[in-house]
C-alpha cells in the first residue's frame, strides 16, 4: 500500500483543523475517494495518518510491533478499554 505524496491542502501552523472543524463528517468522508485509504494529514503542527482500510486498522491495533506514538497508544487503550 502506497501513501499519497500529499493529502489535501492545509494551512500553515493550523494544518487541516479549520476544514475538519467546519464539517468533520464531510471532510473525513471525502478523503478516501480523493486520496486513497491512507491519507497524511496535519493537526496543527503534528502529522497524522487517516486510515480507512479495515485490514490495516486491524493489523495496527493487534500487532504490538507496529510503531505508535504515546498519544495513539493512550487513545487506543481508552477507546478499547
Protein backbone atom coordinates (compact mmCIF):
# COMPACT_ATOMS: atom_id res chain seq x y z
CA UNK A 1 0.00 0.00 0.00
CA UNK A 2 1.46 3.34 -1.03
CA UNK A 3 0.89 6.64 0.68
CA UNK A 4 -0.13 9.55 -1.48
CA UNK A 5 2.60 12.14 -1.78
CA UNK A 6 0.30 14.77 -0.32
CA UNK A 7 -3.08 14.97 1.30
CA UNK A 8 -5.45 17.89 0.93
CA UNK A 9 -4.07 21.43 1.10
CA UNK A 10 -3.60 22.73 4.60
CA UNK A 11 -2.96 25.99 6.43
CA UNK A 12 0.45 26.76 7.90
CA UNK A 13 0.51 26.05 11.65
CA UNK A 14 -3.21 25.12 11.73
CA UNK A 15 -2.98 22.23 9.30
CA UNK A 16 -6.35 20.69 8.45
CA UNK A 17 -8.04 21.73 11.71
CA UNK A 18 -10.11 24.56 10.14
CA UNK A 19 -11.53 22.24 7.46
CA UNK A 20 -12.25 19.49 9.98
CA UNK A 21 -13.92 21.87 12.42
CA UNK A 22 -16.31 23.25 9.78
CA UNK A 23 -17.79 19.88 8.79
CA UNK A 24 -15.86 16.87 10.16
CA UNK A 25 -18.05 14.19 8.61
CA UNK A 26 -17.92 15.72 5.14
CA UNK A 27 -14.17 16.33 5.30
CA UNK A 28 -13.27 12.84 6.54
CA UNK A 29 -15.74 11.01 4.27
CA UNK A 30 -14.28 12.65 1.14
CA UNK A 31 -10.68 11.69 1.93
CA UNK A 32 -10.74 8.03 0.78
CA UNK A 33 -12.33 8.80 -2.60
CA UNK A 34 -9.90 11.63 -3.36
CA UNK A 35 -6.67 10.42 -1.76
CA UNK A 36 -6.97 6.68 -1.03
CA UNK A 37 -7.26 4.59 2.11
CA UNK A 38 -4.28 6.11 3.94
CA UNK A 39 -4.08 9.91 3.90
CA UNK A 40 -1.46 12.10 5.55
CA UNK A 41 -3.00 14.99 7.49
CA UNK A 42 -1.76 17.77 9.73
CA UNK A 43 -3.43 18.53 13.04
CA UNK A 44 -1.82 21.81 13.90
CA UNK A 45 1.89 21.10 13.57
CA UNK A 46 1.51 17.34 14.21
CA UNK A 47 1.50 14.89 11.34
CA UNK A 48 -1.09 12.09 11.45
CA UNK A 49 -2.35 9.38 9.11
CA UNK A 50 -6.05 8.93 8.43
CA UNK A 51 -6.53 5.20 7.84
CA UNK A 52 -9.70 3.97 6.14
CA UNK A 53 -8.71 0.37 5.42
CA UNK A 54 -10.23 -2.19 7.82
CA UNK A 55 -7.47 -4.78 7.34
CA UNK A 56 -4.75 -2.24 8.03
CA UNK A 57 -6.59 -0.89 11.09
CA UNK A 58 -6.92 -4.43 12.41
CA UNK A 59 -3.19 -5.01 11.92
CA UNK A 60 -2.32 -1.69 13.59
CA UNK A 61 -4.43 -2.47 16.65
CA UNK A 62 -3.36 -6.09 17.09
CA UNK A 63 0.31 -6.00 16.10
CA UNK A 64 2.40 -4.96 19.09
CA UNK A 65 5.41 -4.29 16.84
CA UNK A 66 3.56 -1.60 14.89
CA UNK A 67 5.03 1.82 15.58
CA UNK A 68 2.73 4.10 17.56
CA UNK A 69 3.15 7.33 19.40
CA UNK A 70 2.35 7.50 23.09
CA UNK A 71 -0.71 9.61 22.28
CA UNK A 72 -2.12 7.00 19.91
CA UNK A 73 -1.48 4.21 22.43
CA UNK A 74 -3.40 6.13 25.09
CA UNK A 75 -6.23 6.80 22.64
CA UNK A 76 -6.48 3.17 21.56
CA UNK A 77 -6.33 1.98 25.18
CA UNK A 78 -9.10 4.45 26.15
CA UNK A 79 -11.25 3.51 23.16
CA UNK A 80 -10.89 -0.26 23.51
CA UNK A 81 -10.92 -0.29 27.30
